[in-house]
Amino acid sequence: MSTRIPQSQLETYLWGAATLLRGTIDAGDYKQFIFPLLFYKRVCDVFDEETRTAKEELGLEEGVDDFKEIHRFQIPAEAHWNAVRQVTTNVGRALQAGMRAIETANPDKLQGIFGDAQWTNKDRLSDALLRDLIEHFSTLELTVANLPEDELGNGYEYLIKKFADDSGHTAAEFYTNRTVVHLMTELLEPQPGERIYDPTCGSGGMLLSAITHLKKQGKEWRNVGLFGQERNLMTSSIARMNCFLHGIEDFQIVRGDTLAQPKLLEGDRLRRFDVVLANPPYSIKQWDRALWASDPWGRNLYGTPPQGNADYAFFQHILASMDANSGRCAILFPHGVLFRDVEAEMRRKLIEADLIECVLGLGPNLFYNSPMESCVVICRSKKPKARKGKVLFINAVNEVTRERAQSFLTEAHQQRIVKAYRDFTEESGFAHVAPLEEIRGKEGSLNIALYVATPTGTAQAGSDERTAPELPVVLDSWLKSSQGLRNALGALNKGLVG
């Protein structure tokens, strides 16, 4: 008989496991122990559930273990959760051996999925602590009947966010603000049968957002292919577990450095995708610029970025990974990519290629644990005829809500932005359609403030919004005359001293 586990109980259960580690393990390291234990418990409980179901349906008491095809994953008897639960000494060694045995029994799907945590380090994880963790996880039976995949997936996402909240700045590598992710997904509108890619996939949230989007619309999602690459071993393992726990079968998440060694290939070229969603690491300095300058995959089409800033390397990798006909991408960037001088020539070439469809400015604090304002750049391999030679600028800096030290986009914020993008028309103080000639006239800068004034308040009823100060013009003028301003201030200061 199943006992459904409500979401509130699941969240208490999951976070309760993490609190057992407090004072022993750094908050940033919780995830490398808790996620593997959760996955271990789930696959063993589901294995037992599948066995019981098969016995009932086949009317067998003996011999059901001979039917391996009834199981999604194979669990060797000596590696089962219940076997490890009986161990009282060297518990970490028993856990590690059990995890490796399960990986070995499922080489095509689970190889390396439990990560590389140091389970046998008794200075960090004593036998007593590990027994407490195992007993805590043993208090609930994580079968599909008790906890359907979508509900467990929601719990997993809850845990990812809680770990991000506790982890400080290191959270950005595996967690992106989910309301921003939902917005990016809405903007690109993934369709059934498409291939969706995240080159720096973290815990897999962007990929899974595409599946959630299709489910909400009642569309087929099982034929969607998810693809990701992630440099960090534990984070890539978390992404794979995330997909399995959400009931996703058709996915490929590989570990490796996307810039130095892209691993999602088709023959001798990069694999191409219909949809690319990405939040690349911001301005990394440790990357192989020399290799990029003669990139064997031809990704340096628009130039070689500076050593101190790899943003445009990720940008070009994403563009090279888009399907030539259906390809579209949404990339979360810091605003600097829109106007930094050091990337001006690459930016001009990109603009002339007419791939950029929309530049969307978001409010502050949406980059995780950072006050920095972010932007989303949307590109499309083949723009609709009406959008060719044009770029839509959206200034949504005020479309953000902050509660309990968390910034997020409400449903109303997201819908306003999505509508502006789909309408692709002028909206005073919010959206502007700029022909390429206008952008060339601003020396190829994509600085949103040059195209759409930042709203300072709501216009009073009956007022003429056209009389509001034209901030882009003022800012552009100020930038060009800044040296004269400094000279004037210097002269004034000298006069006062004299």
Protein backbone atom coordinates (compact mmCIF):
# COMPACT_ATOMS: atom_id res chain seq x y z
CA MET A 1 0.00 0.00 0.00
CA SER A 2 1.42 3.37 -1.02
CA THR A 3 1.64 6.37 1.27
CA ARG A 4 1.90 9.58 -0.73
CA ILE A 5 4.58 11.92 0.55
CA PRO A 6 3.39 15.55 0.51
CA GLN A 7 5.79 18.20 -0.78
CA SER A 8 6.17 19.83 2.63
CA GLN A 9 7.18 16.52 4.20
CA LEU A 10 9.60 15.82 1.35
CA GLU A 11 11.30 19.19 1.77
CA THR A 12 11.63 18.71 5.54
CA TYR A 13 13.05 15.24 4.93
CA LEU A 14 15.61 16.43 2.37
CA TRP A 15 16.80 19.45 4.30
CA GLY A 16 16.86 17.39 7.50
CA ALA A 17 19.56 15.23 5.92
CA ALA A 18 21.64 18.30 5.13
CA THR A 19 21.37 19.67 8.66
CA LEU A 20 23.02 16.49 9.96
CA LEU A 21 26.18 17.66 8.20
CA ARG A 22 26.23 21.10 9.82
CA GLY A 23 29.37 21.76 11.81
CA THR A 24 31.19 18.90 10.08
CA ILE A 25 30.96 19.71 6.38
CA ASP A 26 31.13 23.14 4.70
CA ALA A 27 27.76 24.24 3.35
CA GLY A 28 29.20 24.39 -0.16
CA ASP A 29 30.01 20.67 0.05
CA TYR A 30 26.62 19.41 1.25
CA LYS A 31 25.52 18.62 -2.28
CA GLN A 32 28.30 16.12 -3.00
CA PHE A 33 27.04 13.87 -0.19
CA ILE A 34 23.28 14.46 0.00
CA PHE A 35 22.44 14.12 -3.70
CA PRO A 36 24.19 10.76 -4.14
CA LEU A 37 22.50 9.38 -1.01
CA LEU A 38 19.09 10.54 -2.24
CA PHE A 39 19.67 8.96 -5.65
CA TYR A 40 20.98 5.75 -4.06
CA LYS A 41 17.90 5.42 -1.85
CA ARG A 42 15.51 6.21 -4.72
CA VAL A 43 16.92 3.68 -7.20
CA CYS A 44 16.91 0.92 -4.57
CA ASP A 45 13.34 1.67 -3.46
CA VAL A 46 12.12 1.76 -7.06
CA PHE A 47 13.95 -1.50 -7.78
CA ASP A 48 12.04 -3.17 -4.93
CA GLU A 49 8.79 -1.59 -6.13
CA GLU A 50 9.34 -2.95 -9.65
CA THR A 51 9.98 -6.41 -8.21
CA ARG A 52 6.75 -6.33 -6.17
CA THR A 53 4.73 -5.13 -9.14
CA ALA A 54 6.13 -7.86 -11.39
CA LYS A 55 5.30 -10.55 -8.81
CA GLU A 56 1.72 -9.32 -8.59
CA GLU A 57 1.24 -9.02 -12.34
CA LEU A 58 2.97 -12.29 -13.23
CA GLY A 59 1.65 -14.20 -10.23
CA LEU A 60 5.15 -15.34 -9.29
CA GLU A 61 6.62 -15.91 -5.87
CA GLU A 62 10.01 -17.14 -7.06
CA GLY A 63 12.14 -16.47 -10.10
CA VAL A 64 11.11 -12.85 -10.70
CA ASP A 65 14.72 -11.75 -10.17
CA ASP A 66 15.61 -13.53 -13.42
CA PHE A 67 13.63 -10.91 -15.38
CA LYS A 68 16.14 -8.06 -15.55
CA GLU A 69 14.06 -6.21 -18.12
CA ILE A 70 11.49 -5.30 -15.48
CA HIS A 71 13.99 -2.89 -13.91
CA ARG A 72 15.04 0.53 -15.08
CA PHE A 73 18.35 0.04 -13.24
CA GLN A 74 20.01 -3.13 -12.01
CA ILE A 75 20.82 -3.22 -8.27
CA PRO A 76 23.19 -6.02 -7.17
CA ALA A 77 22.01 -7.60 -3.90
CA GLU A 78 25.24 -6.77 -2.08
CA ALA A 79 24.95 -3.12 -3.17
CA HIS A 80 21.32 -2.60 -2.15
CA TRP A 81 20.57 0.18 0.30
CA ASN A 82 19.28 -2.34 2.84
CA ALA A 83 22.58 -4.26 2.70
CA VAL A 84 24.63 -1.13 3.32
CA ARG A 85 22.26 -0.17 6.11
CA GLN A 86 23.38 -3.23 8.08
CA VAL A 87 27.03 -2.07 8.11
CA THR A 88 28.21 -0.51 11.39
CA THR A 89 31.95 -0.01 10.83
CA ASN A 90 33.72 1.49 7.82
CA VAL A 91 30.35 2.69 6.62
CA GLY A 92 31.87 5.08 4.11
CA ARG A 93 33.74 2.23 2.44
CA ALA A 94 30.51 0.21 2.24
CA LEU A 95 28.62 3.15 0.72
CA GLN A 96 31.34 3.80 -1.83
CA ALA A 97 31.53 0.12 -2.79
CA GLY A 98 27.75 -0.03 -3.17
CA MET A 99 27.67 3.05 -5.40
CA ARG A 100 30.46 1.76 -7.62
CA ALA A 101 28.76 -1.63 -7.92
CA ILE A 102 25.54 0.02 -9.10
CA GLU A 103 27.49 2.12 -11.62
CA THR A 104 29.23 -1.01 -12.91
CA ALA A 105 25.93 -2.89 -13.21
CA ASN A 106 24.51 -0.03 -15.33
CA PRO A 107 27.48 1.11 -17.44
CA ASP A 108 25.47 2.73 -20.23
CA LYS A 109 23.43 4.96 -17.94
CA LEU A 110 25.02 5.35 -14.53
CA GLN A 111 28.80 5.25 -15.03
CA GLY A 112 30.31 7.85 -12.68
CA ILE A 113 26.93 9.23 -11.61
CA PHE A 114 27.64 9.15 -7.88
CA GLY A 115 30.55 11.57 -8.25
CA ASP A 116 33.86 11.55 -6.45
CA ALA A 117 33.01 12.45 -2.84
CA GLN A 118 35.44 11.17 -0.21
CA TRP A 119 33.13 8.78 1.60
CA THR A 120 36.01 7.03 3.38
CA ASN A 121 37.45 10.19 4.99
CA LYS A 122 36.54 9.55 8.63
CA ASP A 123 37.84 12.96 9.70
CA ARG A 124 34.89 14.47 7.84
CA LEU A 125 32.41 11.59 7.87
CA SER A 126 32.54 9.39 10.93
CA ASP A 127 30.78 6.03 11.01
CA ALA A 128 28.28 7.48 13.46
CA LEU A 129 27.45 10.44 11.16
CA LEU A 130 27.02 8.20 8.12
CA ARG A 131 24.80 5.81 10.07
CA ASP A 132 22.67 8.80 11.12
CA LEU A 133 22.38 9.89 7.49
CA ILE A 134 21.44 6.41 6.31
CA GLU A 135 18.84 6.04 9.04
CA HIS A 136 17.42 9.47 8.23
CA PHE A 137 16.99 8.57 4.56
CA SER A 138 15.52 5.20 5.59
CA THR A 139 12.56 6.87 7.33
CA LEU A 140 10.69 7.27 4.01
CA GLU A 141 10.13 4.84 1.17
CA LEU A 142 10.91 6.71 -2.04
CA THR A 143 8.87 4.60 -4.45
CA VAL A 144 7.16 6.03 -7.53
CA ALA A 145 3.80 5.31 -5.91
CA ASN A 146 4.74 7.33 -2.84
CA LEU A 147 6.59 10.00 -4.76
CA PRO A 148 5.94 10.40 -8.51
CA GLU A 149 8.87 11.62 -10.58
CA ASP A 150 7.64 15.18 -11.04
CA GLU A 151 7.15 15.57 -7.30
CA LEU A 152 10.54 14.12 -6.46
CA GLY A 153 12.00 16.37 -9.14
CA ASN A 154 10.44 19.38 -7.43
CA GLY A 155 11.98 18.28 -4.17
CA TYR A 156 15.35 17.91 -5.86
CA GLU A 157 15.07 21.45 -7.24
CA TYR A 158 14.14 22.70 -3.77
CA LEU A 159 17.29 21.11 -2.39
CA ILE A 160 19.43 22.61 -5.16
CA LYS A 161 18.16 26.07 -4.30
CA LYS A 162 18.65 25.53 -0.56
CA PHE A 163 22.22 24.47 -1.18
CA ALA A 164 22.71 27.54 -3.35
CA ASP A 165 21.35 29.78 -0.59
CA ASP A 166 23.78 28.22 1.88
CA SER A 167 26.77 28.13 -0.46
CA GLY A 168 27.41 31.83 -1.10
CA HIS A 169 29.11 32.86 -4.33
CA THR A 170 30.05 29.32 -5.33
CA ALA A 171 26.36 28.69 -6.02
CA ALA A 172 26.47 30.40 -9.41
CA GLU A 173 28.33 27.47 -10.95
CA PHE A 174 25.43 25.09 -10.50
CA TYR A 175 22.35 27.27 -9.96
CA THR A 176 20.67 29.96 -12.05
CA ASN A 177 17.69 31.96 -10.78
CA ARG A 178 14.78 29.78 -11.83
CA THR A 179 12.44 32.64 -12.72
CA VAL A 180 15.05 33.86 -15.22
CA VAL A 181 15.39 30.33 -16.57
CA HIS A 182 11.61 30.09 -17.02
CA LEU A 183 11.60 33.41 -18.86
CA MET A 184 14.39 32.34 -21.22
CA THR A 185 12.54 29.11 -21.96
CA GLU A 186 9.30 30.96 -22.67
CA LEU A 187 11.11 33.28 -25.06
CA LEU A 188 12.54 30.40 -27.12
CA GLU A 189 9.38 28.22 -27.05
CA PRO A 190 10.87 24.69 -27.26
CA GLN A 191 8.81 22.31 -29.38
CA PRO A 192 8.25 18.53 -29.32
CA GLY A 193 11.03 16.57 -31.00
CA GLU A 194 13.62 19.32 -30.72
CA ARG A 195 17.19 19.00 -29.46
CA ILE A 196 18.00 21.30 -26.58
CA TYR A 197 21.50 22.15 -25.39
CA ASP A 198 23.23 23.88 -22.49
CA PRO A 199 27.03 24.15 -22.93
CA THR A 200 27.61 24.98 -19.25
CA CYS A 201 24.69 23.06 -17.81
CA GLY A 202 25.39 23.16 -14.06
CA SER A 203 22.72 21.10 -12.29
CA GLY A 204 20.61 20.84 -15.46
CA GLY A 205 17.92 23.35 -14.52
CA MET A 206 17.76 25.02 -17.93
CA LEU A 207 17.40 21.72 -19.76
CA LEU A 208 14.65 20.53 -17.46
CA SER A 209 12.87 23.87 -17.79
CA ALA A 210 12.23 23.02 -21.45
CA ILE A 211 10.53 19.76 -20.42
CA THR A 212 8.45 21.57 -17.79
CA HIS A 213 7.41 24.12 -20.42
CA LEU A 214 6.13 21.39 -22.75
CA LYS A 215 4.34 19.52 -19.97
CA LYS A 216 2.50 22.67 -18.91
CA GLN A 217 1.31 23.16 -22.48
CA GLY A 218 0.16 19.55 -22.72
CA LYS A 219 2.62 18.87 -25.55
CA GLU A 220 4.70 15.75 -26.17
CA TRP A 221 7.97 15.94 -24.23
CA ARG A 222 9.31 12.38 -24.27
CA ASN A 223 10.76 12.81 -27.75
CA VAL A 224 12.81 15.88 -26.78
CA GLY A 225 16.56 15.34 -26.61
CA LEU A 226 18.46 17.08 -23.81
CA PHE A 227 22.20 17.67 -24.13
CA GLY A 228 24.62 19.34 -21.77
CA GLN A 229 28.29 19.70 -20.96
CA GLU A 230 29.65 20.60 -17.54
CA ARG A 231 33.27 20.96 -16.43
CA ASN A 232 32.81 20.10 -12.74
CA LEU A 233 32.50 16.35 -12.09
CA MET A 234 30.15 16.55 -9.11
CA THR A 235 27.97 19.18 -10.77
CA SER A 236 27.67 17.12 -13.95
CA SER A 237 26.69 14.12 -11.80
CA ILE A 238 24.03 16.23 -10.08
CA ALA A 239 22.64 17.20 -13.50
CA ARG A 240 22.42 13.54 -14.56
CA MET A 241 20.72 12.55 -11.31
CA ASN A 242 18.36 15.51 -11.77
CA CYS A 243 17.29 14.21 -15.19
CA PHE A 244 16.80 10.63 -13.98
CA LEU A 245 14.82 11.72 -10.93
CA HIS A 246 12.55 13.81 -13.19
CA GLY A 247 11.83 10.70 -15.27
CA ILE A 248 13.83 11.88 -18.29
CA GLU A 249 15.28 9.11 -20.47
CA ASP A 250 16.56 10.85 -23.60
CA PHE A 251 19.46 12.96 -22.41
CA GLN A 252 23.22 13.13 -22.71
CA ILE A 253 25.24 15.11 -20.20
CA VAL A 254 29.00 14.90 -20.57
CA ARG A 255 31.82 16.15 -18.42
CA GLY A 256 34.51 18.41 -19.83
CA ASP A 257 35.66 21.93 -20.64
CA THR A 258 33.34 23.20 -23.36
CA LEU A 259 35.81 25.74 -24.75
CA ALA A 260 38.89 23.52 -24.74
CA GLN A 261 37.24 20.21 -25.55
CA PRO A 262 33.63 20.21 -26.75
CA LYS A 263 32.38 16.63 -26.51
CA LEU A 264 28.98 16.78 -28.16
CA LEU A 265 30.00 16.07 -31.74
CA GLU A 266 28.64 14.65 -34.97
CA GLY A 267 31.45 13.22 -37.02
CA ASP A 268 34.14 15.86 -37.41
CA ARG A 269 32.02 18.86 -36.43
CA LEU A 270 30.04 20.22 -33.51
CA ARG A 271 26.59 18.77 -33.00
CA ARG A 272 23.86 21.29 -33.87
CA PHE A 273 20.79 22.04 -31.78
CA ASP A 274 17.39 23.66 -32.21
CA VAL A 275 17.49 25.43 -28.84
CA VAL A 276 20.44 26.58 -26.74
CA LEU A 277 19.89 27.91 -23.23
CA ALA A 278 22.97 29.07 -21.34
CA ASN A 279 24.38 30.97 -18.40
CA PRO A 280 28.12 30.77 -19.10
CA PRO A 281 30.63 31.47 -16.31
CA TYR A 282 31.26 35.19 -16.16
CA SER A 283 34.54 36.56 -17.55
CA ILE A 284 36.76 33.57 -16.83
CA LYS A 285 40.47 34.25 -17.19
CA GLN A 286 41.89 30.72 -17.06
CA TRP A 287 41.22 29.43 -20.56
CA ASP A 288 43.31 28.38 -23.54
CA ARG A 289 43.20 31.47 -25.74
CA ALA A 290 46.01 30.23 -28.00
CA LEU A 291 44.05 27.07 -28.81
CA TRP A 292 40.96 29.14 -29.56
CA ALA A 293 42.89 31.33 -32.00
CA SER A 294 43.24 28.27 -34.26
CA ASP A 295 40.11 26.48 -33.07
CA PRO A 296 39.74 23.14 -34.88
CA TRP A 297 35.96 23.44 -34.71
CA GLY A 298 35.85 26.82 -36.46
CA ARG A 299 34.21 28.59 -33.55
CA ASN A 300 36.39 31.72 -33.79
CA LEU A 301 34.39 33.03 -36.71
CA TYR A 302 34.16 36.54 -35.26
CA GLY A 303 37.54 36.72 -33.52
CA THR A 304 39.58 35.69 -30.51
CA PRO A 305 38.46 37.15 -27.16
CA PRO A 306 40.99 38.63 -24.72
CA GLN A 307 42.68 36.31 -22.21
CA GLY A 308 41.00 38.07 -19.29
CA ASN A 309 37.47 37.60 -20.60
CA ALA A 310 36.14 34.46 -22.33
CA ASP A 311 32.52 35.64 -22.67
CA TYR A 312 32.70 35.94 -26.45
CA ALA A 313 34.30 32.50 -26.71
CA PHE A 314 31.20 31.00 -25.10
CA PHE A 315 29.05 33.30 -27.26
CA GLN A 316 30.66 32.04 -30.47
CA HIS A 317 30.58 28.41 -29.33
CA ILE A 318 26.82 28.73 -28.82
CA LEU A 319 26.29 30.31 -32.23
CA ALA A 320 28.34 27.53 -33.85
CA SER A 321 26.16 24.97 -32.05
CA MET A 322 22.86 26.26 -33.44
CA ASP A 323 21.03 24.44 -36.22
CA ALA A 324 21.37 26.38 -39.46
CA ASN A 325 17.61 26.58 -39.95
CA SER A 326 15.81 26.19 -36.63
CA GLY A 327 18.56 27.28 -34.25
CA ARG A 328 17.86 29.87 -31.57
CA CYS A 329 19.54 30.71 -28.29
CA ALA A 330 19.04 32.71 -25.12
CA ILE A 331 22.20 33.52 -23.17
CA LEU A 332 22.35 35.13 -19.74
CA PHE A 333 25.26 37.58 -19.64
CA PRO A 334 26.54 40.50 -17.58
CA HIS A 335 25.87 43.81 -19.34
CA GLY A 336 29.53 44.30 -20.22
CA VAL A 337 29.25 42.04 -23.26
CA LEU A 338 27.03 44.69 -24.83
CA PHE A 339 29.51 47.55 -24.87
CA ARG A 340 33.06 46.67 -23.69
CA ASP A 341 35.67 48.22 -26.01
CA VAL A 342 37.92 45.17 -25.92
CA GLU A 343 35.27 43.13 -27.75
CA ALA A 344 34.04 45.92 -30.07
CA GLU A 345 35.31 44.39 -33.31
CA MET A 346 33.81 40.97 -32.59
CA ARG A 347 30.54 42.62 -31.60
CA ARG A 348 30.42 44.61 -34.85
CA LYS A 349 30.94 41.45 -36.91
CA LEU A 350 28.22 39.68 -34.96
CA ILE A 351 25.82 42.55 -35.54
CA GLU A 352 26.56 42.56 -39.28
CA ALA A 353 25.88 38.81 -39.41
CA ASP A 354 22.31 39.74 -38.33
CA LEU A 355 22.03 36.91 -35.82
CA ILE A 356 21.05 39.02 -32.80
CA GLU A 357 17.29 39.25 -32.51
CA CYS A 358 16.76 40.73 -29.05
CA VAL A 359 18.78 42.31 -26.23
CA LEU A 360 16.88 42.17 -22.95
CA GLY A 361 18.04 44.05 -19.88
CA LEU A 362 17.02 42.61 -16.50
CA GLY A 363 17.06 44.10 -13.04
CA PRO A 364 19.69 43.76 -10.30
CA ASN A 365 20.40 40.77 -8.03
CA LEU A 366 19.23 38.13 -10.51
CA PHE A 367 22.74 36.75 -10.91
CA TYR A 368 22.97 34.42 -7.95
CA ASN A 369 24.43 36.13 -4.85
CA SER A 370 25.51 39.13 -6.89
CA PRO A 371 23.97 42.62 -7.17
CA MET A 372 25.05 42.81 -10.80
CA GLU A 373 22.44 43.53 -13.43
CA SER A 374 22.12 40.88 -16.11
CA CYS A 375 20.97 40.76 -19.69
CA VAL A 376 19.67 38.06 -22.01
CA VAL A 377 20.84 38.01 -25.62
CA ILE A 378 18.58 36.13 -28.01
CA CYS A 379 19.94 35.03 -31.38
CA ARG A 380 18.33 33.17 -34.25
CA SER A 381 19.98 31.43 -37.22
CA LYS A 382 17.20 32.51 -39.56
CA LYS A 383 15.16 35.49 -38.46
CA PRO A 384 11.61 35.93 -39.74
CA LYS A 385 11.58 38.28 -42.72
CA ALA A 386 9.98 41.12 -40.72
CA ARG A 387 12.81 41.02 -38.16
CA LYS A 388 15.77 40.91 -40.52
CA GLY A 389 18.14 43.83 -40.19
CA LYS A 390 16.62 44.79 -36.82
CA VAL A 391 17.32 44.23 -33.14
CA LEU A 392 14.70 44.55 -30.42
CA PHE A 393 15.89 46.20 -27.20
CA ILE A 394 13.85 45.64 -24.05
CA ASN A 395 14.63 47.54 -20.87
CA ALA A 396 13.04 45.43 -18.12
CA VAL A 397 15.24 46.73 -15.31
CA ASN A 398 12.16 47.52 -13.20
CA GLU A 399 10.51 44.15 -13.86
CA VAL A 400 11.88 42.55 -10.72
CA THR A 401 10.60 41.85 -7.22
CA ARG A 402 12.67 41.41 -4.06
CA GLU A 403 11.38 39.58 -1.01
CA ARG A 404 13.31 38.13 1.93
CA ALA A 405 16.66 38.99 0.33
CA GLN A 406 15.68 37.15 -2.88
CA SER A 407 15.14 38.80 -6.26
CA PHE A 408 12.89 37.18 -8.82
CA LEU A 409 10.58 37.77 -11.77
CA THR A 410 6.89 37.36 -11.06
CA GLU A 411 4.58 35.76 -13.60
CA ALA A 412 3.37 39.25 -14.56
CA HIS A 413 6.97 40.42 -15.15
CA GLN A 414 7.68 37.43 -17.35
CA GLN A 415 4.51 37.79 -19.38
CA ARG A 416 5.12 41.48 -20.05
CA ILE A 417 8.61 40.69 -21.35
CA VAL A 418 7.42 37.75 -23.44
CA LYS A 419 4.65 39.84 -25.00
CA ALA A 420 7.09 42.62 -25.90
CA TYR A 421 9.39 40.08 -27.54
CA ARG A 422 6.61 38.44 -29.53
CA ASP A 423 5.07 41.75 -30.59
CA PHE A 424 8.48 43.11 -31.67
CA THR A 425 7.20 46.69 -31.69
CA GLU A 426 7.87 50.00 -30.00
CA GLU A 427 6.75 50.54 -26.41
CA SER A 428 7.79 53.84 -24.90
CA GLY A 429 10.22 53.42 -22.03
CA PHE A 430 10.27 49.64 -22.44
CA ALA A 431 10.96 48.39 -25.96
CA HIS A 432 12.59 49.77 -29.11
CA VAL A 433 13.20 48.18 -32.51
CA ALA A 434 16.54 49.40 -33.83
CA PRO A 435 17.53 48.91 -37.46
CA LEU A 436 21.17 47.98 -37.99
CA GLU A 437 21.86 51.47 -39.35
CA GLU A 438 20.95 52.94 -35.96
CA ILE A 439 23.26 50.49 -34.17
CA ARG A 440 26.10 51.28 -36.56
CA GLY A 441 25.54 54.95 -35.76
CA LYS A 442 26.27 54.15 -32.12
CA GLU A 443 29.55 52.46 -33.11
CA GLY A 444 28.13 48.99 -32.66
CA SER A 445 27.31 49.43 -28.98
CA LEU A 446 24.40 47.34 -27.75
CA ASN A 447 24.15 49.26 -24.49
CA ILE A 448 20.42 49.17 -23.81
CA ALA A 449 20.42 52.66 -22.29
CA LEU A 450 21.34 54.07 -25.70
CA TYR A 451 18.11 52.73 -27.17
CA VAL A 452 15.53 52.62 -24.38
CA ALA A 453 15.42 55.12 -21.52
CA THR A 454 15.37 53.61 -18.06
CA PRO A 455 11.89 54.29 -16.61
CA THR A 456 12.09 56.55 -13.56
CA GLY A 457 8.43 56.32 -12.59
CA THR A 458 4.94 55.93 -13.88
CA ALA A 459 3.69 58.73 -16.08
CA GLN A 460 0.74 60.63 -14.66
CA ALA A 461 -2.59 60.21 -16.35
CA GLY A 462 -2.90 62.54 -19.31
CA SER A 463 0.79 63.41 -19.42
CA ASP A 464 2.67 63.32 -22.69
CA GLU A 465 5.42 60.67 -22.33
CA ARG A 466 7.28 62.18 -25.26
CA THR A 467 8.32 65.11 -23.05
CA ALA A 468 10.31 62.77 -20.77
CA PRO A 469 14.10 63.22 -20.96
CA GLU A 470 15.66 61.07 -23.69
CA LEU A 471 18.22 59.27 -21.54
CA PRO A 472 20.01 57.44 -24.37
CA VAL A 473 20.73 60.73 -26.14
CA VAL A 474 21.90 62.37 -22.92
CA LEU A 475 24.11 59.42 -22.02
CA ASP A 476 25.62 59.18 -25.48
CA SER A 477 26.42 62.88 -25.45
CA TRP A 478 27.94 62.66 -21.97
CA LEU A 479 30.17 59.75 -22.94
CA LYS A 480 31.54 61.64 -25.94
CA SER A 481 32.25 64.81 -23.96
CA SER A 482 33.58 63.25 -20.74
CA GLN A 483 37.12 64.51 -21.29
CA GLY A 484 35.90 68.07 -21.67
CA LEU A 485 33.89 67.71 -18.48
CA ARG A 486 36.96 66.52 -16.58
CA ASN A 487 38.99 69.44 -17.94
CA ALA A 488 36.33 71.92 -16.86
CA LEU A 489 36.17 70.48 -13.37
CA GLY A 490 39.95 70.58 -13.13
CA ALA A 491 40.02 74.24 -14.11
CA LEU A 492 37.29 75.05 -11.63
CA ASN A 493 39.14 73.30 -8.86
CA LYS A 494 42.36 75.19 -9.70
CA GLY A 495 40.48 78.49 -9.61
CA LEU A 496 39.04 77.72 -6.19
CA VAL A 497 42.45 76.81 -4.81
CA GLY A 498 43.99 79.97 -6.30
